[in-house]
Amino acid sequence: MAASRQVDLLEPIDLAQHLGKVELYLGQVCQIAGISKMQLDYWTNKAQIPTKGKKQRIYDIDALETVMLIKQAKDKGLNLGAAIDAARRFREVQSSDSPPAGLLAAPPLGPG
């Protein structure tokens, strides 16, 4: 099979459909969020962010989003308690306003 026909077999990958499978270690979450391990450990306990793992904490994408929302709120001047509340409320509003999975596709291009 010619290389050009092999390429034609491929289709774009929607990575958003697979993010729920991603699991990150504490250090990876710290690197992505731009916080220290001590901060993440404290925030995880204070905000009761769910993690997996026995010897080392493992965070899923939802936990990462919560951490990043807390970081964003703190960067905007909120104290930790207020930042945690803001992150929780934001996630609640987002989950009640978001369409079911699969309906997030871009609108068709062209004249409307």
PDB file of N, CA and C in Angstrom:
ATOM      1  N   MET A   1       0.856  -1.181   0.000  1.00  0.00           N
ATOM      2  CA  MET A   1       0.000   0.000   0.000  1.00  0.00           C
ATOM      3  C   MET A   1       0.896   1.235   0.000  1.00  0.00           C
ATOM      4  N   ALA A   2       0.624   2.160  -0.880  1.00  0.00           N
ATOM      5  CA  ALA A   2       1.425   3.373  -0.992  1.00  0.00           C
ATOM      6  C   ALA A   2       1.262   4.227   0.256  1.00  0.00           C
ATOM      7  N   ALA A   3       2.312   4.966   0.574  1.00  0.00           N
ATOM      8  CA  ALA A   3       2.302   5.791   1.782  1.00  0.00           C
ATOM      9  C   ALA A   3       1.156   6.799   1.776  1.00  0.00           C
ATOM     10  N   SER A   4       0.856   7.380   0.623  1.00  0.00           N
ATOM     11  CA  SER A   4      -0.216   8.389   0.577  1.00  0.00           C
ATOM     12  C   SER A   4      -1.567   7.751   0.875  1.00  0.00           C
ATOM     13  N   ARG A   5      -1.772   6.514   0.435  1.00  0.00           N
ATOM     14  CA  ARG A   5      -3.038   5.843   0.739  1.00  0.00           C
ATOM     15  C   ARG A   5      -3.103   5.441   2.210  1.00  0.00           C
ATOM     16  N   GLN A   6      -1.955   5.141   2.805  1.00  0.00           N
ATOM     17  CA  GLN A   6      -1.933   4.828   4.234  1.00  0.00           C
ATOM     18  C   GLN A   6      -2.360   6.044   5.047  1.00  0.00           C
ATOM     19  N   VAL A   7      -1.873   7.208   4.675  1.00  0.00           N
ATOM     20  CA  VAL A   7      -2.235   8.439   5.365  1.00  0.00           C
ATOM     21  C   VAL A   7      -3.725   8.706   5.200  1.00  0.00           C
ATOM     22  N   ASP A   8      -4.268   8.412   4.041  1.00  0.00           N
ATOM     23  CA  ASP A   8      -5.690   8.646   3.788  1.00  0.00           C
ATOM     24  C   ASP A   8      -6.590   7.801   4.682  1.00  0.00           C
ATOM     25  N   LEU A   9      -6.069   6.718   5.239  1.00  0.00           N
ATOM     26  CA  LEU A   9      -6.858   5.868   6.140  1.00  0.00           C
ATOM     27  C   LEU A   9      -7.097   6.528   7.497  1.00  0.00           C
ATOM     28  N   LEU A  10      -6.228   7.462   7.852  1.00  0.00           N
ATOM     29  CA  LEU A  10      -6.284   8.055   9.177  1.00  0.00           C
ATOM     30  C   LEU A  10      -7.318   9.174   9.257  1.00  0.00           C
ATOM     31  N   GLU A  11      -7.862   9.334  10.458  1.00  0.00           N
ATOM     32  CA  GLU A  11      -8.834  10.399  10.733  1.00  0.00           C
ATOM     33  C   GLU A  11      -8.343  11.192  11.926  1.00  0.00           C
ATOM     34  N   PRO A  12      -8.791  12.454  12.064  1.00  0.00           N
ATOM     35  CA  PRO A  12      -8.380  13.239  13.235  1.00  0.00           C
ATOM     36  C   PRO A  12      -8.820  12.560  14.539  1.00  0.00           C
ATOM     37  N   ILE A  13      -8.012  12.715  15.562  1.00  0.00           N
ATOM     38  CA  ILE A  13      -8.304  12.156  16.880  1.00  0.00           C
ATOM     39  C   ILE A  13      -8.867  13.266  17.761  1.00  0.00           C
ATOM     40  N   ASP A  14      -9.979  13.006  18.424  1.00  0.00           N
ATOM     41  CA  ASP A  14     -10.545  13.948  19.377  1.00  0.00           C
ATOM     42  C   ASP A  14     -10.029  13.583  20.761  1.00  0.00           C
ATOM     43  N   LEU A  15      -8.936  14.224  21.157  1.00  0.00           N
ATOM     44  CA  LEU A  15      -8.309  13.893  22.440  1.00  0.00           C
ATOM     45  C   LEU A  15      -9.228  14.164  23.618  1.00  0.00           C
ATOM     46  N   ALA A  16     -10.161  15.106  23.485  1.00  0.00           N
ATOM     47  CA  ALA A  16     -11.080  15.421  24.577  1.00  0.00           C
ATOM     48  C   ALA A  16     -11.863  14.186  25.001  1.00  0.00           C
ATOM     49  N   GLN A  17     -12.126  13.293  24.068  1.00  0.00           N
ATOM     50  CA  GLN A  17     -12.870  12.071  24.385  1.00  0.00           C
ATOM     51  C   GLN A  17     -12.061  11.125  25.268  1.00  0.00           C
ATOM     52  N   HIS A  18     -10.758  11.315  25.339  1.00  0.00           N
ATOM     53  CA  HIS A  18      -9.887  10.390  26.056  1.00  0.00           C
ATOM     54  C   HIS A  18      -9.303  10.974  27.346  1.00  0.00           C
ATOM     55  N   LEU A  19      -9.578  12.244  27.611  1.00  0.00           N
ATOM     56  CA  LEU A  19      -8.980  12.885  28.789  1.00  0.00           C
ATOM     57  C   LEU A  19      -9.425  12.248  30.097  1.00  0.00           C
ATOM     58  N   GLY A  20     -10.602  11.674  30.121  1.00  0.00           N
ATOM     59  CA  GLY A  20     -11.086  11.021  31.336  1.00  0.00           C
ATOM     60  C   GLY A  20     -10.240   9.835  31.758  1.00  0.00           C
ATOM     61  N   LYS A  21      -9.427   9.323  30.855  1.00  0.00           N
ATOM     62  CA  LYS A  21      -8.567   8.177  31.156  1.00  0.00           C
ATOM     63  C   LYS A  21      -7.211   8.593  31.728  1.00  0.00           C
ATOM     64  N   VAL A  22      -6.895   9.882  31.630  1.00  0.00           N
ATOM     65  CA  VAL A  22      -5.580  10.367  32.040  1.00  0.00           C
ATOM     66  C   VAL A  22      -5.476  10.388  33.566  1.00  0.00           C
ATOM     67  N   GLU A  23      -4.353   9.902  34.059  1.00  0.00           N
ATOM     68  CA  GLU A  23      -4.047   9.953  35.479  1.00  0.00           C
ATOM     69  C   GLU A  23      -2.666  10.573  35.648  1.00  0.00           C
ATOM     70  N   LEU A  24      -2.566  11.518  36.569  1.00  0.00           N
ATOM     71  CA  LEU A  24      -1.328  12.269  36.758  1.00  0.00           C
ATOM     72  C   LEU A  24      -0.818  12.117  38.184  1.00  0.00           C
ATOM     73  N   TYR A  25       0.500  12.037  38.312  1.00  0.00           N
ATOM     74  CA  TYR A  25       1.112  12.002  39.633  1.00  0.00           C
ATOM     75  C   TYR A  25       1.225  13.411  40.184  1.00  0.00           C
ATOM     76  N   LEU A  26       1.423  13.505  41.480  1.00  0.00           N
ATOM     77  CA  LEU A  26       1.504  14.777  42.182  1.00  0.00           C
ATOM     78  C   LEU A  26       2.461  15.743  41.484  1.00  0.00           C
ATOM     79  N   GLY A  27       3.639  15.299  41.147  1.00  0.00           N
ATOM     80  CA  GLY A  27       4.633  16.169  40.503  1.00  0.00           C
ATOM     81  C   GLY A  27       4.170  16.695  39.164  1.00  0.00           C
ATOM     82  N   GLN A  28       3.452  15.864  38.411  1.00  0.00           N
ATOM     83  CA  GLN A  28       2.941  16.302  37.114  1.00  0.00           C
ATOM     84  C   GLN A  28       1.871  17.374  37.281  1.00  0.00           C
ATOM     85  N   VAL A  29       0.986  17.191  38.265  1.00  0.00           N
ATOM     86  CA  VAL A  29      -0.052  18.187  38.529  1.00  0.00           C
ATOM     87  C   VAL A  29       0.600  19.503  38.945  1.00  0.00           C
ATOM     88  N   CYS A  30       1.616  19.428  39.793  1.00  0.00           N
ATOM     89  CA  CYS A  30       2.325  20.632  40.224  1.00  0.00           C
ATOM     90  C   CYS A  30       2.936  21.366  39.038  1.00  0.00           C
ATOM     91  N   GLN A  31       3.543  20.621  38.143  1.00  0.00           N
ATOM     92  CA  GLN A  31       4.178  21.224  36.978  1.00  0.00           C
ATOM     93  C   GLN A  31       3.146  21.907  36.081  1.00  0.00           C
ATOM     94  N   ILE A  32       2.038  21.252  35.845  1.00  0.00           N
ATOM     95  CA  ILE A  32       0.990  21.816  34.985  1.00  0.00           C
ATOM     96  C   ILE A  32       0.363  23.048  35.630  1.00  0.00           C
ATOM     97  N   ALA A  33       0.069  22.963  36.927  1.00  0.00           N
ATOM     98  CA  ALA A  33      -0.629  24.050  37.620  1.00  0.00           C
ATOM     99  C   ALA A  33       0.310  25.173  38.062  1.00  0.00           C
ATOM    100  N   GLY A  34       1.592  24.896  38.104  1.00  0.00           N
ATOM    101  CA  GLY A  34       2.549  25.918  38.526  1.00  0.00           C
ATOM    102  C   GLY A  34       2.540  26.170  40.022  1.00  0.00           C
ATOM    103  N   ILE A  35       2.404  25.098  40.802  1.00  0.00           N
ATOM    104  CA  ILE A  35       2.417  25.208  42.263  1.00  0.00           C
ATOM    105  C   ILE A  35       3.411  24.204  42.835  1.00  0.00           C
ATOM    106  N   SER A  36       3.735  24.384  44.108  1.00  0.00           N
ATOM    107  CA  SER A  36       4.683  23.476  44.761  1.00  0.00           C
ATOM    108  C   SER A  36       3.970  22.205  45.233  1.00  0.00           C
ATOM    109  N   LYS A  37       4.759  21.190  45.535  1.00  0.00           N
ATOM    110  CA  LYS A  37       4.198  19.941  46.059  1.00  0.00           C
ATOM    111  C   LYS A  37       3.545  20.170  47.423  1.00  0.00           C
ATOM    112  N   MET A  38       4.134  21.041  48.228  1.00  0.00           N
ATOM    113  CA  MET A  38       3.537  21.354  49.533  1.00  0.00           C
ATOM    114  C   MET A  38       2.175  22.022  49.359  1.00  0.00           C
ATOM    115  N   GLN A  39       2.087  22.953  48.402  1.00  0.00           N
ATOM    116  CA  GLN A  39       0.801  23.609  48.131  1.00  0.00           C
ATOM    117  C   GLN A  39      -0.242  22.591  47.692  1.00  0.00           C
ATOM    118  N   LEU A  40       0.128  21.741  46.742  1.00  0.00           N
ATOM    119  CA  LEU A  40      -0.821  20.768  46.220  1.00  0.00           C
ATOM    120  C   LEU A  40      -1.290  19.827  47.325  1.00  0.00           C
ATOM    121  N   ASP A  41      -0.364  19.379  48.138  1.00  0.00           N
ATOM    122  CA  ASP A  41      -0.723  18.484  49.239  1.00  0.00           C
ATOM    123  C   ASP A  41      -1.714  19.178  50.188  1.00  0.00           C
ATOM    124  N   TYR A  42      -1.429  20.414  50.527  1.00  0.00           N
ATOM    125  CA  TYR A  42      -2.298  21.174  51.433  1.00  0.00           C
ATOM    126  C   TYR A  42      -3.672  21.420  50.799  1.00  0.00           C
ATOM    127  N   TRP A  43      -3.681  21.857  49.544  1.00  0.00           N
ATOM    128  CA  TRP A  43      -4.946  22.121  48.854  1.00  0.00           C
ATOM    129  C   TRP A  43      -5.775  20.848  48.721  1.00  0.00           C
ATOM    130  N   THR A  44      -5.105  19.735  48.437  1.00  0.00           N
ATOM    131  CA  THR A  44      -5.811  18.455  48.283  1.00  0.00           C
ATOM    132  C   THR A  44      -6.549  18.108  49.564  1.00  0.00           C
ATOM    133  N   ASN A  45      -5.877  18.288  50.695  1.00  0.00           N
ATOM    134  CA  ASN A  45      -6.508  18.012  51.991  1.00  0.00           C
ATOM    135  C   ASN A  45      -7.602  19.024  52.305  1.00  0.00           C
ATOM    136  N   LYS A  46      -7.300  20.298  52.134  1.00  0.00           N
ATOM    137  CA  LYS A  46      -8.227  21.363  52.496  1.00  0.00           C
ATOM    138  C   LYS A  46      -9.488  21.339  51.620  1.00  0.00           C
ATOM    139  N   ALA A  47      -9.319  21.111  50.322  1.00  0.00           N
ATOM    140  CA  ALA A  47     -10.453  21.116  49.387  1.00  0.00           C
ATOM    141  C   ALA A  47     -11.068  19.726  49.215  1.00  0.00           C
ATOM    142  N   GLN A  48     -10.478  18.742  49.882  1.00  0.00           N
ATOM    143  CA  GLN A  48     -10.936  17.354  49.782  1.00  0.00           C
ATOM    144  C   GLN A  48     -11.027  16.910  48.315  1.00  0.00           C
ATOM    145  N   ILE A  49      -9.938  17.159  47.599  1.00  0.00           N
ATOM    146  CA  ILE A  49      -9.857  16.760  46.191  1.00  0.00           C
ATOM    147  C   ILE A  49      -9.625  15.255  46.153  1.00  0.00           C
ATOM    148  N   PRO A  50     -10.504  14.514  45.469  1.00  0.00           N
ATOM    149  CA  PRO A  50     -10.337  13.059  45.438  1.00  0.00           C
ATOM    150  C   PRO A  50      -9.102  12.638  44.632  1.00  0.00           C
ATOM    151  N   THR A  51      -8.381  11.684  45.177  1.00  0.00           N
ATOM    152  CA  THR A  51      -7.212  11.121  44.498  1.00  0.00           C
ATOM    153  C   THR A  51      -7.264   9.603  44.600  1.00  0.00           C
ATOM    154  N   LYS A  52      -6.473   8.971  43.755  1.00  0.00           N
ATOM    155  CA  LYS A  52      -6.313   7.516  43.814  1.00  0.00           C
ATOM    156  C   LYS A  52      -4.893   7.244  44.278  1.00  0.00           C
ATOM    157  N   GLY A  53      -4.600   5.996  44.493  1.00  0.00           N
ATOM    158  CA  GLY A  53      -3.239   5.604  44.826  1.00  0.00           C
ATOM    159  C   GLY A  53      -3.023   5.465  46.314  1.00  0.00           C
ATOM    160  N   LYS A  54      -2.203   4.518  46.675  1.00  0.00           N
ATOM    161  CA  LYS A  54      -1.902   4.249  48.082  1.00  0.00           C
ATOM    162  C   LYS A  54      -0.593   4.939  48.485  1.00  0.00           C
ATOM    163  N   LYS A  55       0.493   4.613  47.785  1.00  0.00           N
ATOM    164  CA  LYS A  55       1.795   5.159  48.142  1.00  0.00           C
ATOM    165  C   LYS A  55       1.996   6.564  47.597  1.00  0.00           C
ATOM    166  N   GLN A  56       1.421   6.845  46.440  1.00  0.00           N
ATOM    167  CA  GLN A  56       1.550   8.160  45.825  1.00  0.00           C
ATOM    168  C   GLN A  56       0.195   8.589  45.293  1.00  0.00           C
ATOM    169  N   ARG A  57      -0.146   9.838  45.513  1.00  0.00           N
ATOM    170  CA  ARG A  57      -1.431  10.346  45.040  1.00  0.00           C
ATOM    171  C   ARG A  57      -1.464  10.404  43.522  1.00  0.00           C
ATOM    172  N   ILE A  58      -2.594   9.998  42.976  1.00  0.00           N
ATOM    173  CA  ILE A  58      -2.815  10.054  41.540  1.00  0.00           C
ATOM    174  C   ILE A  58      -4.073  10.881  41.309  1.00  0.00           C
ATOM    175  N   TYR A  59      -3.954  11.875  40.450  1.00  0.00           N
ATOM    176  CA  TYR A  59      -5.033  12.819  40.180  1.00  0.00           C
ATOM    177  C   TYR A  59      -5.618  12.554  38.797  1.00  0.00           C
ATOM    178  N   ASP A  60      -6.953  12.630  38.681  1.00  0.00           N
ATOM    179  CA  ASP A  60      -7.572  12.532  37.367  1.00  0.00           C
ATOM    180  C   ASP A  60      -7.757  13.938  36.796  1.00  0.00           C
ATOM    181  N   ILE A  61      -8.321  14.035  35.600  1.00  0.00           N
ATOM    182  CA  ILE A  61      -8.483  15.323  34.928  1.00  0.00           C
ATOM    183  C   ILE A  61      -9.397  16.255  35.715  1.00  0.00           C
ATOM    184  N   ASP A  62     -10.447  15.725  36.318  1.00  0.00           N
ATOM    185  CA  ASP A  62     -11.338  16.570  37.121  1.00  0.00           C
ATOM    186  C   ASP A  62     -10.594  17.182  38.305  1.00  0.00           C
ATOM    187  N   ALA A  63      -9.755  16.391  38.945  1.00  0.00           N
ATOM    188  CA  ALA A  63      -8.970  16.901  40.071  1.00  0.00           C
ATOM    189  C   ALA A  63      -7.989  17.974  39.593  1.00  0.00           C
ATOM    190  N   LEU A  64      -7.370  17.735  38.440  1.00  0.00           N
ATOM    191  CA  LEU A  64      -6.457  18.733  37.870  1.00  0.00           C
ATOM    192  C   LEU A  64      -7.199  20.037  37.595  1.00  0.00           C
ATOM    193  N   GLU A  65      -8.400  19.933  37.031  1.00  0.00           N
ATOM    194  CA  GLU A  65      -9.180  21.132  36.752  1.00  0.00           C
ATOM    195  C   GLU A  65      -9.483  21.885  38.052  1.00  0.00           C
ATOM    196  N   THR A  66      -9.848  21.163  39.094  1.00  0.00           N
ATOM    197  CA  THR A  66     -10.132  21.800  40.384  1.00  0.00           C
ATOM    198  C   THR A  66      -8.903  22.534  40.900  1.00  0.00           C
ATOM    199  N   VAL A  67      -7.750  21.883  40.830  1.00  0.00           N
ATOM    200  CA  VAL A  67      -6.501  22.507  41.281  1.00  0.00           C
ATOM    201  C   VAL A  67      -6.223  23.776  40.479  1.00  0.00           C
ATOM    202  N   MET A  68      -6.405  23.708  39.180  1.00  0.00           N
ATOM    203  CA  MET A  68      -6.107  24.864  38.332  1.00  0.00           C
ATOM    204  C   MET A  68      -7.101  26.003  38.564  1.00  0.00           C
ATOM    205  N   LEU A  69      -8.350  25.670  38.864  1.00  0.00           N
ATOM    206  CA  LEU A  69      -9.332  26.704  39.197  1.00  0.00           C
ATOM    207  C   LEU A  69      -8.983  27.377  40.523  1.00  0.00           C
ATOM    208  N   ILE A  70      -8.553  26.584  41.496  1.00  0.00           N
ATOM    209  CA  ILE A  70      -8.131  27.151  42.781  1.00  0.00           C
ATOM    210  C   ILE A  70      -6.940  28.081  42.565  1.00  0.00           C
ATOM    211  N   LYS A  71      -5.986  27.637  41.769  1.00  0.00           N
ATOM    212  CA  LYS A  71      -4.797  28.461  41.472  1.00  0.00           C
ATOM    213  C   LYS A  71      -5.215  29.762  40.803  1.00  0.00           C
ATOM    214  N   GLN A  72      -6.119  29.675  39.843  1.00  0.00           N
ATOM    215  CA  GLN A  72      -6.592  30.870  39.139  1.00  0.00           C
ATOM    216  C   GLN A  72      -7.246  31.851  40.116  1.00  0.00           C
ATOM    217  N   ALA A  73      -8.095  31.331  41.001  1.00  0.00           N
ATOM    218  CA  ALA A  73      -8.783  32.178  41.978  1.00  0.00           C
ATOM    219  C   ALA A  73      -7.776  32.826  42.936  1.00  0.00           C
ATOM    220  N   LYS A  74      -6.779  32.064  43.379  1.00  0.00           N
ATOM    221  CA  LYS A  74      -5.759  32.617  44.270  1.00  0.00           C
ATOM    222  C   LYS A  74      -4.945  33.686  43.554  1.00  0.00           C
ATOM    223  N   ASP A  75      -4.628  33.448  42.290  1.00  0.00           N
ATOM    224  CA  ASP A  75      -3.880  34.439  41.502  1.00  0.00           C
ATOM    225  C   ASP A  75      -4.672  35.736  41.336  1.00  0.00           C
ATOM    226  N   LYS A  76      -5.995  35.637  41.431  1.00  0.00           N
ATOM    227  CA  LYS A  76      -6.851  36.824  41.301  1.00  0.00           C
ATOM    228  C   LYS A  76      -7.132  37.470  42.659  1.00  0.00           C
ATOM    229  N   GLY A  77      -6.473  36.972  43.711  1.00  0.00           N
ATOM    230  CA  GLY A  77      -6.526  37.627  44.997  1.00  0.00           C
ATOM    231  C   GLY A  77      -7.399  36.981  46.066  1.00  0.00           C
ATOM    232  N   LEU A  78      -8.060  35.871  45.758  1.00  0.00           N
ATOM    233  CA  LEU A  78      -8.892  35.216  46.769  1.00  0.00           C
ATOM    234  C   LEU A  78      -8.018  34.432  47.749  1.00  0.00           C
ATOM    235  N   ASN A  79      -8.467  34.345  49.006  1.00  0.00           N
ATOM    236  CA  ASN A  79      -7.756  33.490  49.947  1.00  0.00           C
ATOM    237  C   ASN A  79      -8.112  32.034  49.616  1.00  0.00           C
ATOM    238  N   LEU A  80      -7.439  31.091  50.239  1.00  0.00           N
ATOM    239  CA  LEU A  80      -7.619  29.686  49.868  1.00  0.00           C
ATOM    240  C   LEU A  80      -9.056  29.213  50.057  1.00  0.00           C
ATOM    241  N   GLY A  81      -9.678  29.550  51.181  1.00  0.00           N
ATOM    242  CA  GLY A  81     -11.059  29.121  51.416  1.00  0.00           C
ATOM    243  C   GLY A  81     -12.008  29.647  50.355  1.00  0.00           C
ATOM    244  N   ALA A  82     -11.866  30.921  50.015  1.00  0.00           N
ATOM    245  CA  ALA A  82     -12.720  31.527  48.985  1.00  0.00           C
ATOM    246  C   ALA A  82     -12.403  30.932  47.608  1.00  0.00           C
ATOM    247  N   ALA A  83     -11.139  30.637  47.368  1.00  0.00           N
ATOM    248  CA  ALA A  83     -10.738  30.050  46.090  1.00  0.00           C
ATOM    249  C   ALA A  83     -11.346  28.653  45.925  1.00  0.00           C
ATOM    250  N   ILE A  84     -11.353  27.883  46.992  1.00  0.00           N
ATOM    251  CA  ILE A  84     -11.950  26.541  46.962  1.00  0.00           C
ATOM    252  C   ILE A  84     -13.447  26.643  46.696  1.00  0.00           C
ATOM    253  N   ASP A  85     -14.120  27.556  47.391  1.00  0.00           N
ATOM    254  CA  ASP A  85     -15.556  27.770  47.163  1.00  0.00           C
ATOM    255  C   ASP A  85     -15.836  28.189  45.726  1.00  0.00           C
ATOM    256  N   ALA A  86     -15.036  29.117  45.215  1.00  0.00           N
ATOM    257  CA  ALA A  86     -15.225  29.599  43.843  1.00  0.00           C
ATOM    258  C   ALA A  86     -15.038  28.457  42.842  1.00  0.00           C
ATOM    259  N   ALA A  87     -14.026  27.630  43.070  1.00  0.00           N
ATOM    260  CA  ALA A  87     -13.773  26.501  42.169  1.00  0.00           C
ATOM    261  C   ALA A  87     -14.941  25.520  42.193  1.00  0.00           C
ATOM    262  N   ARG A  88     -15.448  25.220  43.383  1.00  0.00           N
ATOM    263  CA  ARG A  88     -16.596  24.301  43.498  1.00  0.00           C
ATOM    264  C   ARG A  88     -17.818  24.865  42.782  1.00  0.00           C
ATOM    265  N   ARG A  89     -18.111  26.130  43.032  1.00  0.00           N
ATOM    266  CA  ARG A  89     -19.285  26.749  42.403  1.00  0.00           C
ATOM    267  C   ARG A  89     -19.136  26.791  40.889  1.00  0.00           C
ATOM    268  N   PHE A  90     -17.950  27.142  40.425  1.00  0.00           N
ATOM    269  CA  PHE A  90     -17.695  27.193  38.987  1.00  0.00           C
ATOM    270  C   PHE A  90     -17.939  25.830  38.353  1.00  0.00           C
ATOM    271  N   ARG A  91     -17.418  24.778  38.983  1.00  0.00           N
ATOM    272  CA  ARG A  91     -17.595  23.424  38.443  1.00  0.00           C
ATOM    273  C   ARG A  91     -19.064  23.022  38.456  1.00  0.00           C
ATOM    274  N   GLU A  92     -19.802  23.405  39.500  1.00  0.00           N
ATOM    275  CA  GLU A  92     -21.233  23.091  39.562  1.00  0.00           C
ATOM    276  C   GLU A  92     -21.992  23.772  38.430  1.00  0.00           C
ATOM    277  N   VAL A  93     -21.693  25.057  38.214  1.00  0.00           N
ATOM    278  CA  VAL A  93     -22.358  25.803  37.138  1.00  0.00           C
ATOM    279  C   VAL A  93     -21.991  25.203  35.788  1.00  0.00           C
ATOM    280  N   GLN A  94     -20.709  24.895  35.613  1.00  0.00           N
ATOM    281  CA  GLN A  94     -20.262  24.312  34.342  1.00  0.00           C
ATOM    282  C   GLN A  94     -20.942  22.977  34.070  1.00  0.00           C
ATOM    283  N   SER A  95     -21.050  22.139  35.087  1.00  0.00           N
ATOM    284  CA  SER A  95     -21.632  20.810  34.873  1.00  0.00           C
ATOM    285  C   SER A  95     -23.131  20.904  34.612  1.00  0.00           C
ATOM    286  N   SER A  96     -23.800  21.906  35.171  1.00  0.00           N
ATOM    287  CA  SER A  96     -25.242  22.032  34.916  1.00  0.00           C
ATOM    288  C   SER A  96     -25.515  22.726  33.589  1.00  0.00           C
ATOM    289  N   ASP A  97     -24.563  23.519  33.091  1.00  0.00           N
ATOM    290  CA  ASP A  97     -24.747  24.244  31.830  1.00  0.00           C
ATOM    291  C   ASP A  97     -24.188  23.515  30.622  1.00  0.00           C
ATOM    292  N   SER A  98     -23.324  22.531  30.848  1.00  0.00           N
ATOM    293  CA  SER A  98     -22.648  21.909  29.711  1.00  0.00           C
ATOM    294  C   SER A  98     -23.548  20.897  29.011  1.00  0.00           C
ATOM    295  N   PRO A  99     -23.454  20.846  27.678  1.00  0.00           N
ATOM    296  CA  PRO A  99     -24.237  19.866  26.932  1.00  0.00           C
ATOM    297  C   PRO A  99     -23.692  18.466  27.154  1.00  0.00           C
ATOM    298  N   PRO A 100     -24.470  17.440  26.880  1.00  0.00           N
ATOM    299  CA  PRO A 100     -23.973  16.070  27.028  1.00  0.00           C
ATOM    300  C   PRO A 100     -22.750  15.834  26.150  1.00  0.00           C
ATOM    301  N   ALA A 101     -21.903  14.906  26.567  1.00  0.00           N
ATOM    302  CA  ALA A 101     -20.692  14.589  25.807  1.00  0.00           C
ATOM    303  C   ALA A 101     -21.054  14.253  24.377  1.00  0.00           C
ATOM    304  N   GLY A 102     -20.217  14.719  23.464  1.00  0.00           N
ATOM    305  CA  GLY A 102     -20.469  14.462  22.049  1.00  0.00           C
ATOM    306  C   GLY A 102     -21.148  15.629  21.365  1.00  0.00           C
ATOM    307  N   LEU A 103     -21.702  16.562  22.117  1.00  0.00           N
ATOM    308  CA  LEU A 103     -22.354  17.711  21.516  1.00  0.00           C
ATOM    309  C   LEU A 103     -21.447  18.935  21.515  1.00  0.00           C
ATOM    310  N   LEU A 104     -20.178  18.719  21.760  1.00  0.00           N
ATOM    311  CA  LEU A 104     -19.236  19.815  21.839  1.00  0.00           C
ATOM    312  C   LEU A 104     -18.501  20.047  20.523  1.00  0.00           C
ATOM    313  N   ALA A 105     -18.968  19.458  19.443  1.00  0.00           N
ATOM    314  CA  ALA A 105     -18.304  19.598  18.153  1.00  0.00           C
ATOM    315  C   ALA A 105     -18.423  21.035  17.670  1.00  0.00           C
ATOM    316  N   ALA A 106     -17.452  21.437  16.885  1.00  0.00           N
ATOM    317  CA  ALA A 106     -17.471  22.798  16.331  1.00  0.00           C
ATOM    318  C   ALA A 106     -18.625  22.935  15.344  1.00  0.00           C
ATOM    319  N   PRO A 107     -19.194  24.138  15.242  1.00  0.00           N
ATOM    320  CA  PRO A 107     -20.269  24.339  14.274  1.00  0.00           C
ATOM    321  C   PRO A 107     -19.757  24.193  12.852  1.00  0.00           C
ATOM    322  N   PRO A 108     -20.609  23.837  11.922  1.00  0.00           N
ATOM    323  CA  PRO A 108     -20.148  23.682  10.526  1.00  0.00           C
ATOM    324  C   PRO A 108     -19.675  25.006   9.971  1.00  0.00           C
ATOM    325  N   LEU A 109     -18.683  24.924   9.103  1.00  0.00           N
ATOM    326  CA  LEU A 109     -18.142  26.132   8.459  1.00  0.00           C
ATOM    327  C   LEU A 109     -18.982  26.492   7.252  1.00  0.00           C
ATOM    328  N   GLY A 110     -18.895  27.717   6.872  1.00  0.00           N
ATOM    329  CA  GLY A 110     -19.618  28.159   5.673  1.00  0.00           C
ATOM    330  C   GLY A 110     -20.704  29.127   6.016  1.00  0.00           C
ATOM    331  N   PRO A 111     -21.396  29.605   4.990  1.00  0.00           N
ATOM    332  CA  PRO A 111     -22.467  30.585   5.240  1.00  0.00           C
ATOM    333  C   PRO A 111     -23.584  29.984   6.061  1.00  0.00           C
ATOM    334  N   GLY A 112     -24.082  30.751   6.983  1.00  0.00           N
ATOM    335  CA  GLY A 112     -25.096  30.222   7.885  1.00  0.00           C
ATOM    336  C   GLY A 112     -26.355  30.884   7.661  1.00  0.00           C
TER     337      GLY A 112
END
